[in-house]
Amino acid sequence: MTILRWIMLTALLVAFLLLSVANWTPVPFRLPDGAVISIRLPLLLGLAFFAGWLPTWLYYLGAMASFKRKAAKAGRIADPLPGTSRLPSQAQPTIVPPAGA
């Protein structure tokens, strides 16, 4: 599965590089204060990608940290006292009488 991920990432990188070479033209970009700057199209696309990816990734990191903290707490609650076991020392077989007897 790891090799498939690397193949996909490489294909996306090559596609982005081809797009960058083909569209290396300045485009006007209006800032919130009204000023207009000229920025290269691949740079604008990269900035837009990271502006959308970064908050999602930070939210994911926070959710995973919360999940790990809750899972560790649940594991501590479910653990028996030290030195004890949840299983009986020797399990005895259950004798089931035959049906129809």
C-alpha atoms as a PDB file:
ATOM      1  CA  MET A   1       0.000   0.000   0.000  1.00  0.00           C
ATOM      2  CA  THR A   2       2.928   2.313   0.681  1.00  0.00           C
ATOM      3  CA  ILE A   3       4.255   1.906  -2.842  1.00  0.00           C
ATOM      4  CA  LEU A   4       0.850   2.821  -4.246  1.00  0.00           C
ATOM      5  CA  ARG A   5       0.825   5.996  -2.168  1.00  0.00           C
ATOM      6  CA  TRP A   6       4.277   6.963  -3.425  1.00  0.00           C
ATOM      7  CA  ILE A   7       3.244   6.313  -7.029  1.00  0.00           C
ATOM      8  CA  MET A   8       0.170   8.529  -6.612  1.00  0.00           C
ATOM      9  CA  LEU A   9       2.160  11.314  -4.936  1.00  0.00           C
ATOM     10  CA  THR A  10       4.779  11.184  -7.675  1.00  0.00           C
ATOM     11  CA  ALA A  11       2.087  11.356 -10.359  1.00  0.00           C
ATOM     12  CA  LEU A  12       0.490  14.366  -8.640  1.00  0.00           C
ATOM     13  CA  LEU A  13       3.863  16.085  -8.340  1.00  0.00           C
ATOM     14  CA  VAL A  14       4.646  15.513 -12.022  1.00  0.00           C
ATOM     15  CA  ALA A  15       1.203  16.814 -12.998  1.00  0.00           C
ATOM     16  CA  PHE A  16       1.701  19.929 -10.850  1.00  0.00           C
ATOM     17  CA  LEU A  17       5.147  20.520 -12.350  1.00  0.00           C
ATOM     18  CA  LEU A  18       3.782  20.191 -15.897  1.00  0.00           C
ATOM     19  CA  LEU A  19       0.980  22.597 -15.005  1.00  0.00           C
ATOM     20  CA  SER A  20       3.521  24.998 -13.520  1.00  0.00           C
ATOM     21  CA  VAL A  21       5.726  25.009 -16.601  1.00  0.00           C
ATOM     22  CA  ALA A  22       2.771  25.448 -18.950  1.00  0.00           C
ATOM     23  CA  ASN A  23       1.179  28.270 -16.902  1.00  0.00           C
ATOM     24  CA  TRP A  24       4.154  30.260 -15.602  1.00  0.00           C
ATOM     25  CA  THR A  25       2.408  33.551 -16.250  1.00  0.00           C
ATOM     26  CA  PRO A  26       1.703  36.399 -13.844  1.00  0.00           C
ATOM     27  CA  VAL A  27      -1.934  36.840 -12.829  1.00  0.00           C
ATOM     28  CA  PRO A  28      -3.437  39.799 -10.988  1.00  0.00           C
ATOM     29  CA  PHE A  29      -4.438  39.039  -7.394  1.00  0.00           C
ATOM     30  CA  ARG A  30      -6.499  41.463  -5.337  1.00  0.00           C
ATOM     31  CA  LEU A  31      -5.578  41.651  -1.641  1.00  0.00           C
ATOM     32  CA  PRO A  32      -8.223  42.314   1.035  1.00  0.00           C
ATOM     33  CA  ASP A  33      -7.089  45.956   1.358  1.00  0.00           C
ATOM     34  CA  GLY A  34      -7.787  46.538  -2.349  1.00  0.00           C
ATOM     35  CA  ALA A  35      -4.208  46.436  -3.596  1.00  0.00           C
ATOM     36  CA  VAL A  36      -3.551  44.367  -6.698  1.00  0.00           C
ATOM     37  CA  ILE A  37      -0.354  42.349  -6.934  1.00  0.00           C
ATOM     38  CA  SER A  38       0.964  40.218  -9.759  1.00  0.00           C
ATOM     39  CA  ILE A  39       1.755  36.652  -8.712  1.00  0.00           C
ATOM     40  CA  ARG A  40       2.696  33.597 -10.751  1.00  0.00           C
ATOM     41  CA  LEU A  41      -0.209  31.171 -11.223  1.00  0.00           C
ATOM     42  CA  PRO A  42       1.556  28.052  -9.805  1.00  0.00           C
ATOM     43  CA  LEU A  43       2.472  29.994  -6.666  1.00  0.00           C
ATOM     44  CA  LEU A  44      -1.121  31.141  -6.278  1.00  0.00           C
ATOM     45  CA  LEU A  45      -2.377  27.568  -6.668  1.00  0.00           C
ATOM     46  CA  GLY A  46       0.172  26.303  -4.134  1.00  0.00           C
ATOM     47  CA  LEU A  47      -0.828  28.978  -1.620  1.00  0.00           C
ATOM     48  CA  ALA A  48      -4.517  28.158  -2.111  1.00  0.00           C
ATOM     49  CA  PHE A  49      -3.815  24.453  -1.598  1.00  0.00           C
ATOM     50  CA  PHE A  50      -1.901  25.032   1.634  1.00  0.00           C
ATOM     51  CA  ALA A  51      -4.499  27.511   2.874  1.00  0.00           C
ATOM     52  CA  GLY A  52      -7.083  24.728   2.617  1.00  0.00           C
ATOM     53  CA  TRP A  53      -4.860  21.844   3.724  1.00  0.00           C
ATOM     54  CA  LEU A  54      -3.236  23.363   6.811  1.00  0.00           C
ATOM     55  CA  PRO A  55      -6.382  23.986   8.926  1.00  0.00           C
ATOM     56  CA  THR A  56      -7.707  20.519   8.050  1.00  0.00           C
ATOM     57  CA  TRP A  57      -4.412  18.896   9.017  1.00  0.00           C
ATOM     58  CA  LEU A  58      -4.250  20.827  12.300  1.00  0.00           C
ATOM     59  CA  TYR A  59      -7.827  19.759  13.110  1.00  0.00           C
ATOM     60  CA  TYR A  60      -6.873  16.149  12.346  1.00  0.00           C
ATOM     61  CA  LEU A  61      -3.870  16.346  14.686  1.00  0.00           C
ATOM     62  CA  GLY A  62      -6.070  17.731  17.456  1.00  0.00           C
ATOM     63  CA  ALA A  63      -8.715  15.044  16.930  1.00  0.00           C
ATOM     64  CA  MET A  64      -6.094  12.285  16.987  1.00  0.00           C
ATOM     65  CA  ALA A  65      -4.531  13.655  20.174  1.00  0.00           C
ATOM     66  CA  SER A  66      -7.968  13.765  21.803  1.00  0.00           C
ATOM     67  CA  PHE A  67      -8.735  10.233  20.633  1.00  0.00           C
ATOM     68  CA  LYS A  68      -5.414   8.889  21.953  1.00  0.00           C
ATOM     69  CA  ARG A  69      -5.975  10.606  25.298  1.00  0.00           C
ATOM     70  CA  LYS A  70      -9.491   9.122  25.592  1.00  0.00           C
ATOM     71  CA  ALA A  71      -8.281   5.668  24.526  1.00  0.00           C
ATOM     72  CA  ALA A  72      -5.491   5.742  27.112  1.00  0.00           C
ATOM     73  CA  LYS A  73      -7.980   6.781  29.793  1.00  0.00           C
ATOM     74  CA  ALA A  74     -10.376   4.000  28.795  1.00  0.00           C
ATOM     75  CA  GLY A  75      -7.483   1.518  28.869  1.00  0.00           C
ATOM     76  CA  ARG A  76      -6.539   2.573  32.377  1.00  0.00           C
ATOM     77  CA  ILE A  77     -10.142   2.198  33.548  1.00  0.00           C
ATOM     78  CA  ALA A  78     -10.522  -1.256  31.958  1.00  0.00           C
ATOM     79  CA  ASP A  79      -7.274  -2.639  33.413  1.00  0.00           C
ATOM     80  CA  PRO A  80      -7.674  -4.777  36.510  1.00  0.00           C
ATOM     81  CA  LEU A  81      -5.692  -4.155  39.644  1.00  0.00           C
ATOM     82  CA  PRO A  82      -1.988  -4.977  39.368  1.00  0.00           C
ATOM     83  CA  GLY A  83      -1.240  -8.619  40.124  1.00  0.00           C
ATOM     84  CA  THR A  84      -4.720  -9.854  39.228  1.00  0.00           C
ATOM     85  CA  SER A  85      -5.980 -11.431  36.067  1.00  0.00           C
ATOM     86  CA  ARG A  86      -9.327 -11.267  34.327  1.00  0.00           C
ATOM     87  CA  LEU A  87      -9.124 -14.936  33.356  1.00  0.00           C
ATOM     88  CA  PRO A  88      -9.608 -17.772  35.845  1.00  0.00           C
ATOM     89  CA  SER A  89      -6.459 -19.642  36.759  1.00  0.00           C
ATOM     90  CA  GLN A  90      -7.794 -22.888  35.279  1.00  0.00           C
ATOM     91  CA  ALA A  91     -10.830 -23.035  33.061  1.00  0.00           C
ATOM     92  CA  GLN A  92     -13.052 -26.070  33.736  1.00  0.00           C
ATOM     93  CA  PRO A  93     -14.799 -27.749  30.807  1.00  0.00           C
ATOM     94  CA  THR A  94     -18.570 -27.416  30.649  1.00  0.00           C
ATOM     95  CA  ILE A  95     -20.423 -30.709  30.454  1.00  0.00           C
ATOM     96  CA  VAL A  96     -23.497 -30.491  28.289  1.00  0.00           C
ATOM     97  CA  PRO A  97     -25.939 -33.432  28.462  1.00  0.00           C
ATOM     98  CA  PRO A  98     -26.911 -34.923  25.116  1.00  0.00           C
ATOM     99  CA  ALA A  99     -30.147 -33.713  23.589  1.00  0.00           C
ATOM    100  CA  GLY A 100     -33.168 -35.997  24.038  1.00  0.00           C
ATOM    101  CA  ALA A 101     -31.910 -37.745  27.122  1.00  0.00           C
END
